All heavy atoms as atom14 arrays in JSON, in Angstrom:
{
  "sequence": "YPTAGSSAAAESQPFYVNSPYGILMGHNGNLTNSEQLQRELF",
  "atom14_mask": [
    [1, 1, 1, 1, 1, 1, 1, 1, 1, 1, 1, 1, 0, 0],
    [1, 1, 1, 1, 1, 1, 1, 0, 0, 0, 0, 0, 0, 0],
    [1, 1, 1, 1, 1, 1, 1, 0, 0, 0, 0, 0, 0, 0],
    [1, 1, 1, 1, 1, 0, 0, 0, 0, 0, 0, 0, 0, 0],
    [1, 1, 1, 1, 0, 0, 0, 0, 0, 0, 0, 0, 0, 0],
    [1, 1, 1, 1, 1, 1, 0, 0, 0, 0, 0, 0, 0, 0],
    [1, 1, 1, 1, 1, 1, 0, 0, 0, 0, 0, 0, 0, 0],
    [1, 1, 1, 1, 1, 0, 0, 0, 0, 0, 0, 0, 0, 0],
    [1, 1, 1, 1, 1, 0, 0, 0, 0, 0, 0, 0, 0, 0],
    [1, 1, 1, 1, 1, 0, 0, 0, 0, 0, 0, 0, 0, 0],
    [1, 1, 1, 1, 1, 1, 1, 1, 1, 0, 0, 0, 0, 0],
    [1, 1, 1, 1, 1, 1, 0, 0, 0, 0, 0, 0, 0, 0],
    [1, 1, 1, 1, 1, 1, 1, 1, 1, 0, 0, 0, 0, 0],
    [1, 1, 1, 1, 1, 1, 1, 0, 0, 0, 0, 0, 0, 0],
    [1, 1, 1, 1, 1, 1, 1, 1, 1, 1, 1, 0, 0, 0],
    [1, 1, 1, 1, 1, 1, 1, 1, 1, 1, 1, 1, 0, 0],
    [1, 1, 1, 1, 1, 1, 1, 0, 0, 0, 0, 0, 0, 0],
    [1, 1, 1, 1, 1, 1, 1, 1, 0, 0, 0, 0, 0, 0],
    [1, 1, 1, 1, 1, 1, 0, 0, 0, 0, 0, 0, 0, 0],
    [1, 1, 1, 1, 1, 1, 1, 0, 0, 0, 0, 0, 0, 0],
    [1, 1, 1, 1, 1, 1, 1, 1, 1, 1, 1, 1, 0, 0],
    [1, 1, 1, 1, 0, 0, 0, 0, 0, 0, 0, 0, 0, 0],
    [1, 1, 1, 1, 1, 1, 1, 1, 0, 0, 0, 0, 0, 0],
    [1, 1, 1, 1, 1, 1, 1, 1, 0, 0, 0, 0, 0, 0],
    [1, 1, 1, 1, 1, 1, 1, 1, 0, 0, 0, 0, 0, 0],
    [1, 1, 1, 1, 0, 0, 0, 0, 0, 0, 0, 0, 0, 0],
    [1, 1, 1, 1, 1, 1, 1, 1, 1, 1, 0, 0, 0, 0],
    [1, 1, 1, 1, 1, 1, 1, 1, 0, 0, 0, 0, 0, 0],
    [1, 1, 1, 1, 0, 0, 0, 0, 0, 0, 0, 0, 0, 0],
    [1, 1, 1, 1, 1, 1, 1, 1, 0, 0, 0, 0, 0, 0],
    [1, 1, 1, 1, 1, 1, 1, 1, 0, 0, 0, 0, 0, 0],
    [1, 1, 1, 1, 1, 1, 1, 0, 0, 0, 0, 0, 0, 0],
    [1, 1, 1, 1, 1, 1, 1, 1, 0, 0, 0, 0, 0, 0],
    [1, 1, 1, 1, 1, 1, 0, 0, 0, 0, 0, 0, 0, 0],
    [1, 1, 1, 1, 1, 1, 1, 1, 1, 0, 0, 0, 0, 0],
    [1, 1, 1, 1, 1, 1, 1, 1, 1, 0, 0, 0, 0, 0],
    [1, 1, 1, 1, 1, 1, 1, 1, 0, 0, 0, 0, 0, 0],
    [1, 1, 1, 1, 1, 1, 1, 1, 1, 0, 0, 0, 0, 0],
    [1, 1, 1, 1, 1, 1, 1, 1, 1, 1, 1, 0, 0, 0],
    [1, 1, 1, 1, 1, 1, 1, 1, 1, 0, 0, 0, 0, 0],
    [1, 1, 1, 1, 1, 1, 1, 1, 0, 0, 0, 0, 0, 0],
    [1, 1, 1, 1, 1, 1, 1, 1, 1, 1, 1, 0, 0, 0]
  ],
  "atom14_positions": [
    [[9.77, 4.84, -6.73], [10.94, 5.59, -6.23], [10.89, 5.63, -4.71], [9.83, 5.48, -4.11], [10.97, 7.0, -6.87], [10.32, 8.08, -6.1], [11.04, 9.17, -5.69], [8.93, 8.05, -5.86], [10.4, 10.2, -5.0], [8.32, 9.09, -5.2], [9.0, 10.18, -4.78], [8.41, 11.21, -4.09], [0.0, 0.0, 0.0], [0.0, 0.0, 0.0]],
    [[12.05, 5.77, -4.06], [12.1, 5.55, -2.59], [11.46, 6.67, -1.8], [11.5, 7.79, -2.15], [13.59, 5.48, -2.34], [14.24, 6.33, -3.41], [13.36, 6.1, -4.63], [0.0, 0.0, 0.0], [0.0, 0.0, 0.0], [0.0, 0.0, 0.0], [0.0, 0.0, 0.0], [0.0, 0.0, 0.0], [0.0, 0.0, 0.0], [0.0, 0.0, 0.0]],
    [[10.91, 6.26, -0.67], [10.43, 7.21, 0.33], [11.14, 6.92, 1.64], [11.78, 5.91, 1.79], [8.88, 7.08, 0.5], [8.6, 5.71, 0.8], [8.19, 7.52, -0.7], [0.0, 0.0, 0.0], [0.0, 0.0, 0.0], [0.0, 0.0, 0.0], [0.0, 0.0, 0.0], [0.0, 0.0, 0.0], [0.0, 0.0, 0.0], [0.0, 0.0, 0.0]],
    [[10.97, 7.8, 2.58], [11.72, 7.71, 3.85], [11.3, 6.49, 4.63], [10.15, 6.05, 4.73], [11.43, 8.96, 4.7], [0.0, 0.0, 0.0], [0.0, 0.0, 0.0], [0.0, 0.0, 0.0], [0.0, 0.0, 0.0], [0.0, 0.0, 0.0], [0.0, 0.0, 0.0], [0.0, 0.0, 0.0], [0.0, 0.0, 0.0], [0.0, 0.0, 0.0]],
    [[12.33, 5.88, 5.23], [12.13, 4.78, 6.18], [11.4, 3.57, 5.64], [10.62, 2.92, 6.33], [0.0, 0.0, 0.0], [0.0, 0.0, 0.0], [0.0, 0.0, 0.0], [0.0, 0.0, 0.0], [0.0, 0.0, 0.0], [0.0, 0.0, 0.0], [0.0, 0.0, 0.0], [0.0, 0.0, 0.0], [0.0, 0.0, 0.0], [0.0, 0.0, 0.0]],
    [[11.65, 3.24, 4.33], [10.96, 2.11, 3.78], [11.93, 1.11, 3.15], [13.03, 1.46, 2.76], [10.01, 2.61, 2.71], [10.71, 3.21, 1.62], [0.0, 0.0, 0.0], [0.0, 0.0, 0.0], [0.0, 0.0, 0.0], [0.0, 0.0, 0.0], [0.0, 0.0, 0.0], [0.0, 0.0, 0.0], [0.0, 0.0, 0.0], [0.0, 0.0, 0.0]],
    [[11.49, -0.14, 3.08], [12.26, -1.16, 2.44], [11.81, -1.38, 1.06], [10.67, -1.64, 0.74], [12.05, -2.49, 3.24], [12.54, -3.57, 2.48], [0.0, 0.0, 0.0], [0.0, 0.0, 0.0], [0.0, 0.0, 0.0], [0.0, 0.0, 0.0], [0.0, 0.0, 0.0], [0.0, 0.0, 0.0], [0.0, 0.0, 0.0], [0.0, 0.0, 0.0]],
    [[12.76, -1.24, 0.11], [12.42, -1.31, -1.32], [11.82, -2.64, -1.65], [10.87, -2.74, -2.43], [13.65, -1.02, -2.16], [0.0, 0.0, 0.0], [0.0, 0.0, 0.0], [0.0, 0.0, 0.0], [0.0, 0.0, 0.0], [0.0, 0.0, 0.0], [0.0, 0.0, 0.0], [0.0, 0.0, 0.0], [0.0, 0.0, 0.0], [0.0, 0.0, 0.0]],
    [[12.39, -3.72, -1.11], [11.89, -5.07, -1.44], [10.47, -5.29, -0.91], [9.6, -5.77, -1.64], [12.81, -6.11, -0.87], [0.0, 0.0, 0.0], [0.0, 0.0, 0.0], [0.0, 0.0, 0.0], [0.0, 0.0, 0.0], [0.0, 0.0, 0.0], [0.0, 0.0, 0.0], [0.0, 0.0, 0.0], [0.0, 0.0, 0.0], [0.0, 0.0, 0.0]],
    [[10.19, -4.87, 0.31], [8.87, -5.12, 0.87], [7.81, -4.24, 0.31], [6.62, -4.62, 0.22], [8.93, -4.85, 2.41], [0.0, 0.0, 0.0], [0.0, 0.0, 0.0], [0.0, 0.0, 0.0], [0.0, 0.0, 0.0], [0.0, 0.0, 0.0], [0.0, 0.0, 0.0], [0.0, 0.0, 0.0], [0.0, 0.0, 0.0], [0.0, 0.0, 0.0]],
    [[8.16, -3.03, -0.14], [7.2, -2.06, -0.64], [7.17, -1.94, -2.14], [6.52, -1.06, -2.72], [7.44, -0.7, -0.02], [7.26, -0.76, 1.52], [7.11, 0.58, 2.18], [7.09, 1.59, 1.43], [6.97, 0.64, 3.4], [0.0, 0.0, 0.0], [0.0, 0.0, 0.0], [0.0, 0.0, 0.0], [0.0, 0.0, 0.0], [0.0, 0.0, 0.0]],
    [[7.85, -2.8, -2.86], [7.71, -2.84, -4.29], [6.27, -3.24, -4.68], [5.65, -3.98, -3.96], [8.76, -3.8, -4.92], [8.62, -5.09, -4.36], [0.0, 0.0, 0.0], [0.0, 0.0, 0.0], [0.0, 0.0, 0.0], [0.0, 0.0, 0.0], [0.0, 0.0, 0.0], [0.0, 0.0, 0.0], [0.0, 0.0, 0.0], [0.0, 0.0, 0.0]],
    [[5.85, -2.78, -5.78], [4.42, -2.96, -6.18], [4.41, -3.68, -7.54], [5.45, -3.73, -8.25], [3.73, -1.61, -6.29], [3.68, -0.87, -4.96], [2.9, 0.44, -5.05], [1.92, 0.6, -5.75], [3.42, 1.46, -4.32], [0.0, 0.0, 0.0], [0.0, 0.0, 0.0], [0.0, 0.0, 0.0], [0.0, 0.0, 0.0], [0.0, 0.0, 0.0]],
    [[3.26, -4.29, -7.88], [1.96, -4.18, -7.29], [1.81, -4.98, -6.0], [2.46, -5.99, -5.8], [1.01, -4.85, -8.39], [1.83, -4.86, -9.62], [3.25, -5.0, -9.2], [0.0, 0.0, 0.0], [0.0, 0.0, 0.0], [0.0, 0.0, 0.0], [0.0, 0.0, 0.0], [0.0, 0.0, 0.0], [0.0, 0.0, 0.0], [0.0, 0.0, 0.0]],
    [[0.9, -4.53, -5.13], [0.47, -5.24, -3.96], [-0.7, -6.16, -4.33], [-1.39, -5.93, -5.28], [0.01, -4.27, -2.84], [1.17, -3.59, -2.15], [1.39, -2.25, -2.24], [2.02, -4.34, -1.33], [2.41, -1.62, -1.57], [3.08, -3.71, -0.69], [3.27, -2.34, -0.81], [0.0, 0.0, 0.0], [0.0, 0.0, 0.0], [0.0, 0.0, 0.0]],
    [[-0.92, -7.18, -3.45], [-1.93, -8.19, -3.75], [-2.68, -8.56, -2.52], [-2.13, -8.7, -1.42], [-1.22, -9.47, -4.27], [-2.12, -10.66, -4.43], [-3.06, -10.73, -5.43], [-2.01, -11.74, -3.53], [-3.88, -11.89, -5.54], [-2.81, -12.88, -3.65], [-3.75, -12.9, -4.64], [-4.6, -14.02, -4.76], [0.0, 0.0, 0.0], [0.0, 0.0, 0.0]],
    [[-4.02, -8.67, -2.65], [-4.88, -9.34, -1.63], [-5.73, -10.36, -2.36], [-6.08, -10.2, -3.53], [-5.8, -8.32, -0.91], [-4.98, -7.42, -0.04], [-6.63, -7.53, -1.9], [0.0, 0.0, 0.0], [0.0, 0.0, 0.0], [0.0, 0.0, 0.0], [0.0, 0.0, 0.0], [0.0, 0.0, 0.0], [0.0, 0.0, 0.0], [0.0, 0.0, 0.0]],
    [[-6.03, -11.48, -1.68], [-6.67, -12.6, -2.36], [-8.16, -12.56, -2.36], [-8.84, -13.29, -3.05], [-6.17, -13.96, -1.79], [-6.7, -14.19, -0.37], [-7.13, -13.27, 0.29], [-6.67, -15.41, 0.07], [0.0, 0.0, 0.0], [0.0, 0.0, 0.0], [0.0, 0.0, 0.0], [0.0, 0.0, 0.0], [0.0, 0.0, 0.0], [0.0, 0.0, 0.0]],
    [[-8.77, -11.6, -1.6], [-10.19, -11.55, -1.48], [-10.69, -10.08, -1.55], [-10.14, -9.23, -0.9], [-10.65, -12.17, -0.19], [-12.07, -12.14, -0.04], [0.0, 0.0, 0.0], [0.0, 0.0, 0.0], [0.0, 0.0, 0.0], [0.0, 0.0, 0.0], [0.0, 0.0, 0.0], [0.0, 0.0, 0.0], [0.0, 0.0, 0.0], [0.0, 0.0, 0.0]],
    [[-11.74, -9.83, -2.35], [-12.4, -10.82, -3.26], [-11.72, -10.92, -4.57], [-11.06, -10.02, -5.01], [-13.79, -10.19, -3.42], [-13.54, -8.71, -3.29], [-12.44, -8.53, -2.29], [0.0, 0.0, 0.0], [0.0, 0.0, 0.0], [0.0, 0.0, 0.0], [0.0, 0.0, 0.0], [0.0, 0.0, 0.0], [0.0, 0.0, 0.0], [0.0, 0.0, 0.0]],
    [[-11.87, -12.02, -5.19], [-11.4, -12.35, -6.55], [-9.87, -12.6, -6.66], [-9.39, -13.4, -7.36], [-11.75, -11.26, -7.56], [-13.23, -11.02, -7.71], [-13.77, -9.82, -7.35], [-14.07, -11.98, -8.19], [-15.09, -9.57, -7.45], [-15.44, -11.78, -8.28], [-16.0, -10.54, -7.95], [-17.3, -10.35, -8.07], [0.0, 0.0, 0.0], [0.0, 0.0, 0.0]],
    [[-9.15, -11.82, -5.9], [-7.69, -11.66, -6.13], [-7.48, -10.3, -6.8], [-7.76, -10.14, -8.0], [0.0, 0.0, 0.0], [0.0, 0.0, 0.0], [0.0, 0.0, 0.0], [0.0, 0.0, 0.0], [0.0, 0.0, 0.0], [0.0, 0.0, 0.0], [0.0, 0.0, 0.0], [0.0, 0.0, 0.0], [0.0, 0.0, 0.0], [0.0, 0.0, 0.0]],
    [[-6.98, -9.34, -6.04], [-6.84, -7.98, -6.54], [-5.38, -7.59, -6.42], [-4.74, -7.76, -5.4], [-7.71, -6.98, -5.74], [-9.17, -7.47, -5.64], [-7.63, -5.58, -6.36], [-10.04, -6.6, -4.75], [0.0, 0.0, 0.0], [0.0, 0.0, 0.0], [0.0, 0.0, 0.0], [0.0, 0.0, 0.0], [0.0, 0.0, 0.0], [0.0, 0.0, 0.0]],
    [[-4.87, -6.99, -7.51], [-3.54, -6.4, -7.46], [-3.67, -4.92, -7.77], [-4.56, -4.48, -8.5], [-2.61, -7.04, -8.53], [-2.36, -8.54, -8.26], [-3.14, -9.38, -9.27], [-0.89, -8.83, -8.31], [0.0, 0.0, 0.0], [0.0, 0.0, 0.0], [0.0, 0.0, 0.0], [0.0, 0.0, 0.0], [0.0, 0.0, 0.0], [0.0, 0.0, 0.0]],
    [[-2.74, -4.14, -7.22], [-2.88, -2.67, -7.36], [-1.49, -2.04, -7.35], [-0.62, -2.39, -6.55], [-3.76, -2.07, -6.28], [-3.95, -0.6, -6.41], [-5.14, 0.09, -5.12], [-6.72, -0.59, -5.66], [0.0, 0.0, 0.0], [0.0, 0.0, 0.0], [0.0, 0.0, 0.0], [0.0, 0.0, 0.0], [0.0, 0.0, 0.0], [0.0, 0.0, 0.0]],
    [[-1.3, -1.06, -8.2], [-0.13, -0.13, -8.2], [-0.63, 1.28, -8.12], [-1.68, 1.61, -8.67], [0.0, 0.0, 0.0], [0.0, 0.0, 0.0], [0.0, 0.0, 0.0], [0.0, 0.0, 0.0], [0.0, 0.0, 0.0], [0.0, 0.0, 0.0], [0.0, 0.0, 0.0], [0.0, 0.0, 0.0], [0.0, 0.0, 0.0], [0.0, 0.0, 0.0]],
    [[0.1, 2.07, -7.41], [-0.37, 3.43, -7.04], [0.71, 4.44, -7.22], [1.87, 4.25, -6.81], [-0.83, 3.36, -5.58], [-1.02, 4.71, -4.93], [-0.55, 4.91, -3.62], [-1.58, 5.86, -5.33], [-0.84, 6.19, -3.31], [-1.45, 6.75, -4.29], [0.0, 0.0, 0.0], [0.0, 0.0, 0.0], [0.0, 0.0, 0.0], [0.0, 0.0, 0.0]],
    [[0.38, 5.58, -7.78], [1.27, 6.76, -7.85], [0.6, 7.9, -7.12], [-0.5, 8.3, -7.47], [1.51, 7.13, -9.33], [2.29, 8.43, -9.47], [3.12, 8.73, -8.59], [2.02, 9.21, -10.55], [0.0, 0.0, 0.0], [0.0, 0.0, 0.0], [0.0, 0.0, 0.0], [0.0, 0.0, 0.0], [0.0, 0.0, 0.0], [0.0, 0.0, 0.0]],
    [[1.22, 8.37, -6.09], [0.65, 9.46, -5.26], [0.92, 9.26, -3.82], [1.84, 8.52, -3.41], [0.0, 0.0, 0.0], [0.0, 0.0, 0.0], [0.0, 0.0, 0.0], [0.0, 0.0, 0.0], [0.0, 0.0, 0.0], [0.0, 0.0, 0.0], [0.0, 0.0, 0.0], [0.0, 0.0, 0.0], [0.0, 0.0, 0.0], [0.0, 0.0, 0.0]],
    [[0.09, 9.87, -2.98], [0.23, 9.79, -1.52], [-1.09, 10.08, -0.84], [-1.75, 11.11, -1.21], [1.31, 10.76, -1.03], [1.52, 10.64, 0.43], [1.9, 9.62, 0.98], [1.25, 11.74, 1.2], [0.0, 0.0, 0.0], [0.0, 0.0, 0.0], [0.0, 0.0, 0.0], [0.0, 0.0, 0.0], [0.0, 0.0, 0.0], [0.0, 0.0, 0.0]],
    [[-1.5, 9.25, 0.05], [-2.75, 9.45, 0.83], [-2.38, 10.3, 2.03], [-1.56, 9.91, 2.88], [-3.39, 8.15, 1.25], [-3.8, 7.18, 0.15], [-4.44, 5.95, 0.8], [-4.7, 7.85, -0.88], [0.0, 0.0, 0.0], [0.0, 0.0, 0.0], [0.0, 0.0, 0.0], [0.0, 0.0, 0.0], [0.0, 0.0, 0.0], [0.0, 0.0, 0.0]],
    [[-3.07, 11.43, 2.15], [-2.8, 12.33, 3.28], [-3.48, 11.87, 4.56], [-3.17, 12.31, 5.67], [-3.17, 13.77, 2.97], [-4.54, 13.78, 2.51], [-2.28, 14.37, 1.89], [0.0, 0.0, 0.0], [0.0, 0.0, 0.0], [0.0, 0.0, 0.0], [0.0, 0.0, 0.0], [0.0, 0.0, 0.0], [0.0, 0.0, 0.0], [0.0, 0.0, 0.0]],
    [[-4.45, 10.98, 4.48], [-5.11, 10.43, 5.68], [-4.84, 8.95, 5.83], [-5.62, 8.18, 6.33], [-6.61, 10.66, 5.6], [-7.3, 9.88, 4.46], [-6.66, 9.57, 3.44], [-8.59, 9.58, 4.61], [0.0, 0.0, 0.0], [0.0, 0.0, 0.0], [0.0, 0.0, 0.0], [0.0, 0.0, 0.0], [0.0, 0.0, 0.0], [0.0, 0.0, 0.0]],
    [[-3.6, 8.54, 5.48], [-3.22, 7.16, 5.53], [-3.3, 6.57, 6.95], [-3.74, 5.43, 7.16], [-1.8, 6.96, 4.97], [-1.41, 5.63, 4.99], [0.0, 0.0, 0.0], [0.0, 0.0, 0.0], [0.0, 0.0, 0.0], [0.0, 0.0, 0.0], [0.0, 0.0, 0.0], [0.0, 0.0, 0.0], [0.0, 0.0, 0.0], [0.0, 0.0, 0.0]],
    [[-2.82, 7.35, 7.94], [-2.81, 6.81, 9.31], [-4.25, 6.57, 9.79], [-4.54, 5.55, 10.47], [-2.13, 7.8, 10.23], [-0.58, 7.84, 9.99], [0.13, 8.67, 11.06], [-0.56, 9.11, 12.03], [1.36, 8.9, 10.92], [0.0, 0.0, 0.0], [0.0, 0.0, 0.0], [0.0, 0.0, 0.0], [0.0, 0.0, 0.0], [0.0, 0.0, 0.0]],
    [[-5.16, 7.46, 9.48], [-6.56, 7.31, 9.87], [-7.14, 6.05, 9.21], [-7.83, 5.2, 9.9], [-7.4, 8.49, 9.51], [-8.88, 8.33, 9.69], [-9.66, 9.41, 9.06], [-9.18, 10.49, 8.79], [-10.93, 9.13, 8.75], [0.0, 0.0, 0.0], [0.0, 0.0, 0.0], [0.0, 0.0, 0.0], [0.0, 0.0, 0.0], [0.0, 0.0, 0.0]],
    [[-6.79, 5.86, 7.92], [-7.31, 4.69, 7.2], [-6.78, 3.39, 7.79], [-7.47, 2.39, 7.87], [-6.97, 4.84, 5.73], [-7.73, 5.91, 4.96], [-7.11, 6.09, 3.56], [-9.21, 5.58, 4.89], [0.0, 0.0, 0.0], [0.0, 0.0, 0.0], [0.0, 0.0, 0.0], [0.0, 0.0, 0.0], [0.0, 0.0, 0.0], [0.0, 0.0, 0.0]],
    [[-5.5, 3.42, 8.17], [-4.94, 2.19, 8.75], [-5.63, 1.8, 10.06], [-5.88, 0.59, 10.29], [-3.39, 2.45, 9.06], [-2.52, 2.46, 7.82], [-1.07, 2.44, 8.17], [-0.62, 1.57, 8.89], [-0.32, 3.42, 7.69], [0.0, 0.0, 0.0], [0.0, 0.0, 0.0], [0.0, 0.0, 0.0], [0.0, 0.0, 0.0], [0.0, 0.0, 0.0]],
    [[-5.99, 2.78, 10.87], [-6.74, 2.5, 12.06], [-8.1, 1.91, 11.75], [-8.56, 0.94, 12.4], [-6.91, 3.73, 12.94], [-5.59, 4.24, 13.59], [-5.89, 5.28, 14.64], [-6.54, 6.49, 14.1], [-5.85, 7.54, 13.65], [-4.55, 7.53, 13.62], [-6.53, 8.55, 13.17], [0.0, 0.0, 0.0], [0.0, 0.0, 0.0], [0.0, 0.0, 0.0]],
    [[-8.77, 2.47, 10.76], [-10.09, 2.0, 10.35], [-10.0, 0.58, 9.81], [-10.89, -0.24, 10.12], [-10.72, 2.94, 9.3], [-11.05, 4.32, 9.81], [-11.55, 5.23, 8.68], [-11.62, 4.7, 7.53], [-11.84, 6.38, 8.98], [0.0, 0.0, 0.0], [0.0, 0.0, 0.0], [0.0, 0.0, 0.0], [0.0, 0.0, 0.0], [0.0, 0.0, 0.0]],
    [[-8.99, 0.31, 9.01], [-8.83, -1.01, 8.44], [-8.59, -2.04, 9.52], [-9.15, -3.15, 9.46], [-7.66, -1.02, 7.43], [-7.91, -0.33, 6.11], [-6.63, -0.13, 5.33], [-8.95, -1.07, 5.25], [0.0, 0.0, 0.0], [0.0, 0.0, 0.0], [0.0, 0.0, 0.0], [0.0, 0.0, 0.0], [0.0, 0.0, 0.0], [0.0, 0.0, 0.0]],
    [[-7.85, -1.7, 10.52], [-7.53, -2.61, 11.58], [-8.72, -2.81, 12.53], [-9.09, -3.93, 12.92], [-6.26, -2.14, 12.33], [-5.87, -3.03, 13.48], [-5.29, -4.27, 13.27], [-6.17, -2.69, 14.82], [-4.92, -5.08, 14.33], [-5.82, -3.48, 15.86], [-5.19, -4.72, 15.63], [0.0, 0.0, 0.0], [0.0, 0.0, 0.0], [0.0, 0.0, 0.0]]
  ]
}
């Protein structure tokens, strides 16, 4: 379901990363420390 300022096509799930193995994920909820995690990931 939609959230603010997002593109439905780009943010439709499951998301995919190819390493390791090839992982797909779908998520229901919200991370309250998402911005901090994005900085750590980058």
